[in-house]
N, C-alpha and C. Protein backbone atom coordinates (compact mmCIF):
# COMPACT_ATOMS: atom_id res chain seq x y z
N UNK A 1 -16.41 27.34 -10.88
CA UNK A 1 -15.49 26.35 -10.35
C UNK A 1 -14.92 25.49 -11.46
N UNK A 2 -15.75 25.08 -12.40
CA UNK A 2 -15.27 24.14 -13.42
C UNK A 2 -14.20 24.76 -14.31
N UNK A 3 -14.25 26.05 -14.56
CA UNK A 3 -13.21 26.70 -15.37
C UNK A 3 -11.87 26.67 -14.63
N UNK A 4 -11.91 26.69 -13.31
CA UNK A 4 -10.68 26.62 -12.53
C UNK A 4 -9.98 25.29 -12.61
N UNK A 5 -10.71 24.23 -12.98
CA UNK A 5 -10.09 22.90 -13.09
C UNK A 5 -9.04 22.85 -14.19
N UNK A 6 -9.17 23.68 -15.21
CA UNK A 6 -8.16 23.73 -16.27
C UNK A 6 -6.83 24.17 -15.67
N UNK A 7 -6.87 25.25 -14.88
CA UNK A 7 -5.65 25.74 -14.26
C UNK A 7 -5.18 24.82 -13.15
N UNK A 8 -6.11 24.16 -12.48
CA UNK A 8 -5.75 23.19 -11.46
C UNK A 8 -4.94 22.06 -12.09
N UNK A 9 -5.37 21.57 -13.23
CA UNK A 9 -4.66 20.50 -13.93
C UNK A 9 -3.29 20.94 -14.42
N UNK A 10 -3.22 22.13 -14.98
CA UNK A 10 -1.94 22.64 -15.46
C UNK A 10 -0.97 22.82 -14.29
N UNK A 11 -1.46 23.39 -13.21
CA UNK A 11 -0.62 23.59 -12.03
C UNK A 11 -0.15 22.27 -11.45
N UNK A 12 -1.03 21.28 -11.42
CA UNK A 12 -0.67 19.98 -10.87
C UNK A 12 0.42 19.32 -11.72
N UNK A 13 0.31 19.40 -13.01
CA UNK A 13 1.33 18.81 -13.90
C UNK A 13 2.67 19.52 -13.71
N UNK A 14 2.64 20.86 -13.66
CA UNK A 14 3.89 21.60 -13.50
C UNK A 14 4.53 21.33 -12.14
N UNK A 15 3.73 21.28 -11.09
CA UNK A 15 4.27 20.98 -9.77
C UNK A 15 4.87 19.57 -9.75
N UNK A 16 4.22 18.65 -10.43
CA UNK A 16 4.73 17.28 -10.47
C UNK A 16 6.04 17.17 -11.25
N UNK A 17 6.25 18.06 -12.22
CA UNK A 17 7.51 18.03 -12.95
C UNK A 17 8.67 18.38 -12.04
N UNK A 18 8.45 19.31 -11.12
CA UNK A 18 9.51 19.64 -10.15
C UNK A 18 9.82 18.44 -9.27
N UNK A 19 8.78 17.78 -8.79
CA UNK A 19 8.98 16.60 -7.95
C UNK A 19 9.71 15.50 -8.73
N UNK A 20 9.32 15.30 -9.97
CA UNK A 20 9.95 14.27 -10.78
C UNK A 20 11.40 14.55 -11.08
N UNK A 21 11.76 15.83 -11.11
CA UNK A 21 13.15 16.22 -11.37
C UNK A 21 13.99 16.20 -10.09
N UNK A 22 13.36 15.92 -8.96
CA UNK A 22 14.08 15.87 -7.69
C UNK A 22 14.07 17.17 -6.92
N UNK A 23 13.41 18.18 -7.45
CA UNK A 23 13.32 19.48 -6.78
C UNK A 23 12.04 19.49 -5.95
N UNK A 24 12.15 19.15 -4.69
CA UNK A 24 10.96 19.09 -3.84
C UNK A 24 10.68 20.39 -3.10
N UNK A 25 11.66 21.28 -3.04
CA UNK A 25 11.44 22.54 -2.32
C UNK A 25 10.57 23.51 -3.11
N UNK A 26 10.70 23.55 -4.42
CA UNK A 26 9.88 24.47 -5.21
C UNK A 26 8.39 24.18 -5.04
N UNK A 27 7.92 22.94 -5.18
CA UNK A 27 6.50 22.69 -4.96
C UNK A 27 6.07 22.98 -3.52
N UNK A 28 6.97 22.73 -2.57
CA UNK A 28 6.64 23.02 -1.18
C UNK A 28 6.35 24.50 -0.99
N UNK A 29 7.23 25.34 -1.51
CA UNK A 29 7.04 26.78 -1.34
C UNK A 29 5.87 27.31 -2.15
N UNK A 30 5.69 26.82 -3.36
CA UNK A 30 4.56 27.27 -4.18
C UNK A 30 3.24 26.92 -3.50
N UNK A 31 3.13 25.70 -2.99
CA UNK A 31 1.90 25.30 -2.31
C UNK A 31 1.71 26.02 -0.98
N UNK A 32 2.79 26.26 -0.26
CA UNK A 32 2.68 26.99 1.00
C UNK A 32 2.12 28.39 0.76
N UNK A 33 2.72 29.09 -0.19
CA UNK A 33 2.25 30.44 -0.47
C UNK A 33 0.88 30.44 -1.16
N UNK A 34 0.70 29.52 -2.10
CA UNK A 34 -0.54 29.49 -2.87
C UNK A 34 -1.77 29.13 -2.04
N UNK A 35 -1.63 28.15 -1.18
CA UNK A 35 -2.78 27.71 -0.39
C UNK A 35 -2.88 28.42 0.95
N UNK A 36 -1.82 28.32 1.76
CA UNK A 36 -1.89 28.80 3.13
C UNK A 36 -1.82 30.31 3.25
N UNK A 37 -1.06 30.96 2.37
CA UNK A 37 -0.89 32.40 2.50
C UNK A 37 -1.71 33.21 1.49
N UNK A 38 -2.35 32.53 0.54
CA UNK A 38 -3.18 33.25 -0.44
C UNK A 38 -4.62 32.76 -0.44
N UNK A 39 -4.83 31.48 -0.69
CA UNK A 39 -6.20 30.97 -0.85
C UNK A 39 -7.03 31.08 0.43
N UNK A 40 -6.48 30.64 1.53
CA UNK A 40 -7.25 30.66 2.78
C UNK A 40 -7.55 32.10 3.22
N UNK A 41 -6.56 33.02 3.25
CA UNK A 41 -6.91 34.40 3.60
C UNK A 41 -7.86 35.05 2.61
N UNK A 42 -7.69 34.76 1.31
CA UNK A 42 -8.61 35.33 0.31
C UNK A 42 -10.02 34.81 0.52
N UNK A 43 -10.17 33.53 0.76
CA UNK A 43 -11.49 32.97 1.01
C UNK A 43 -12.13 33.57 2.25
N UNK A 44 -11.35 33.74 3.31
CA UNK A 44 -11.87 34.35 4.53
C UNK A 44 -12.27 35.81 4.27
N UNK A 45 -11.41 36.54 3.55
CA UNK A 45 -11.70 37.94 3.26
C UNK A 45 -12.97 38.09 2.43
N UNK A 46 -13.10 37.29 1.39
CA UNK A 46 -14.29 37.38 0.54
C UNK A 46 -15.55 36.95 1.29
N UNK A 47 -15.43 35.92 2.10
CA UNK A 47 -16.60 35.40 2.81
C UNK A 47 -17.06 36.34 3.92
N UNK A 48 -16.11 36.83 4.71
CA UNK A 48 -16.48 37.61 5.89
C UNK A 48 -16.53 39.12 5.62
N UNK A 49 -15.43 39.66 5.11
CA UNK A 49 -15.34 41.11 4.97
C UNK A 49 -16.11 41.65 3.76
N UNK A 50 -16.15 40.88 2.70
CA UNK A 50 -16.93 41.29 1.53
C UNK A 50 -18.36 40.76 1.59
N UNK A 51 -18.65 40.01 2.65
CA UNK A 51 -19.98 39.46 2.92
C UNK A 51 -20.52 38.63 1.74
N UNK A 52 -19.65 37.81 1.17
CA UNK A 52 -20.06 36.96 0.06
C UNK A 52 -20.43 35.55 0.53
N UNK A 53 -20.08 35.22 1.76
CA UNK A 53 -20.41 33.91 2.29
C UNK A 53 -19.69 32.79 1.56
N UNK A 54 -20.36 31.65 1.39
CA UNK A 54 -19.73 30.52 0.72
C UNK A 54 -19.31 30.83 -0.72
N UNK A 55 -20.00 31.75 -1.36
CA UNK A 55 -19.62 32.12 -2.73
C UNK A 55 -18.21 32.68 -2.77
N UNK A 56 -17.84 33.48 -1.78
CA UNK A 56 -16.49 34.03 -1.71
C UNK A 56 -15.44 32.95 -1.56
N UNK A 57 -15.77 31.93 -0.79
CA UNK A 57 -14.83 30.81 -0.62
C UNK A 57 -14.67 30.08 -1.94
N UNK A 58 -15.76 29.87 -2.65
CA UNK A 58 -15.68 29.15 -3.92
C UNK A 58 -15.03 29.99 -5.01
N UNK A 59 -15.03 31.31 -4.88
CA UNK A 59 -14.29 32.16 -5.82
C UNK A 59 -12.80 32.08 -5.53
N UNK A 60 -12.42 31.98 -4.27
CA UNK A 60 -11.01 31.95 -3.89
C UNK A 60 -10.30 30.71 -4.43
N UNK A 61 -11.01 29.61 -4.57
CA UNK A 61 -10.37 28.36 -5.01
C UNK A 61 -9.81 28.47 -6.43
N UNK A 62 -10.61 28.81 -7.45
CA UNK A 62 -10.01 28.90 -8.79
C UNK A 62 -9.03 30.06 -8.94
N UNK A 63 -9.22 31.13 -8.17
CA UNK A 63 -8.27 32.24 -8.24
C UNK A 63 -6.90 31.77 -7.73
N UNK A 64 -6.88 31.07 -6.62
CA UNK A 64 -5.62 30.56 -6.07
C UNK A 64 -5.00 29.51 -6.99
N UNK A 65 -5.82 28.64 -7.55
CA UNK A 65 -5.29 27.62 -8.47
C UNK A 65 -4.68 28.26 -9.71
N UNK A 66 -5.29 29.32 -10.20
CA UNK A 66 -4.74 30.03 -11.34
C UNK A 66 -3.40 30.66 -10.98
N UNK A 67 -3.32 31.26 -9.79
CA UNK A 67 -2.06 31.84 -9.33
C UNK A 67 -0.97 30.81 -9.19
N UNK A 68 -1.32 29.64 -8.67
CA UNK A 68 -0.35 28.55 -8.52
C UNK A 68 0.13 28.07 -9.89
N UNK A 69 -0.79 27.96 -10.84
CA UNK A 69 -0.41 27.53 -12.19
C UNK A 69 0.52 28.55 -12.85
N UNK A 70 0.23 29.83 -12.69
CA UNK A 70 1.08 30.87 -13.27
C UNK A 70 2.45 30.88 -12.62
N UNK A 71 2.48 30.80 -11.29
CA UNK A 71 3.76 30.78 -10.58
C UNK A 71 4.57 29.55 -10.97
N UNK A 72 3.92 28.40 -11.09
CA UNK A 72 4.62 27.17 -11.48
C UNK A 72 5.18 27.29 -12.89
N UNK A 73 4.42 27.89 -13.79
CA UNK A 73 4.88 28.07 -15.17
C UNK A 73 6.11 28.97 -15.21
N UNK A 74 6.05 30.07 -14.46
CA UNK A 74 7.19 30.99 -14.44
C UNK A 74 8.43 30.30 -13.87
N UNK A 75 8.26 29.59 -12.77
CA UNK A 75 9.39 28.88 -12.17
C UNK A 75 9.91 27.77 -13.08
N UNK A 76 9.01 27.13 -13.81
CA UNK A 76 9.42 26.09 -14.75
C UNK A 76 10.26 26.70 -15.87
N UNK A 77 9.82 27.84 -16.38
CA UNK A 77 10.54 28.50 -17.48
C UNK A 77 11.89 29.03 -17.03
N UNK A 78 12.00 29.45 -15.78
CA UNK A 78 13.29 29.92 -15.26
C UNK A 78 14.30 28.78 -15.31
N UNK A 79 13.87 27.58 -14.96
CA UNK A 79 14.69 26.38 -15.15
C UNK A 79 15.67 26.04 -14.04
N UNK A 80 15.49 26.61 -12.87
CA UNK A 80 16.40 26.26 -11.77
C UNK A 80 16.30 24.78 -11.40
N UNK A 81 15.16 24.17 -11.68
CA UNK A 81 14.96 22.76 -11.36
C UNK A 81 15.92 21.86 -12.13
N UNK A 82 16.47 22.36 -13.24
CA UNK A 82 17.39 21.56 -14.04
C UNK A 82 18.73 21.35 -13.36
N UNK A 83 19.06 22.19 -12.39
CA UNK A 83 20.37 22.12 -11.74
C UNK A 83 20.37 21.25 -10.49
N UNK A 84 19.23 20.68 -10.12
CA UNK A 84 19.13 19.86 -8.91
C UNK A 84 19.83 18.53 -9.14
N UNK A 85 20.71 18.18 -8.21
CA UNK A 85 21.40 16.89 -8.26
C UNK A 85 20.59 15.86 -7.49
N UNK A 86 20.30 14.74 -8.13
CA UNK A 86 19.52 13.68 -7.50
C UNK A 86 20.45 12.62 -6.97
């Protein structure tokens, strides 16, 4: 879990840059897909179907945070947030 905090911090900073630039839809979509459509189903799958129990849920958290950080970095580098009019 503690190794995932590095990616959690990076993802949080990148998501906040979108908000600070006035682009609120990018963080909304990244968090929707990252948490609701990836982390929760992955945690359920690992816990129930892979029979990992709570360990599977705790594995899903840093995996999802890493995915969110990578997606945020890619979207940040693309730079569409620079065109948002505030």
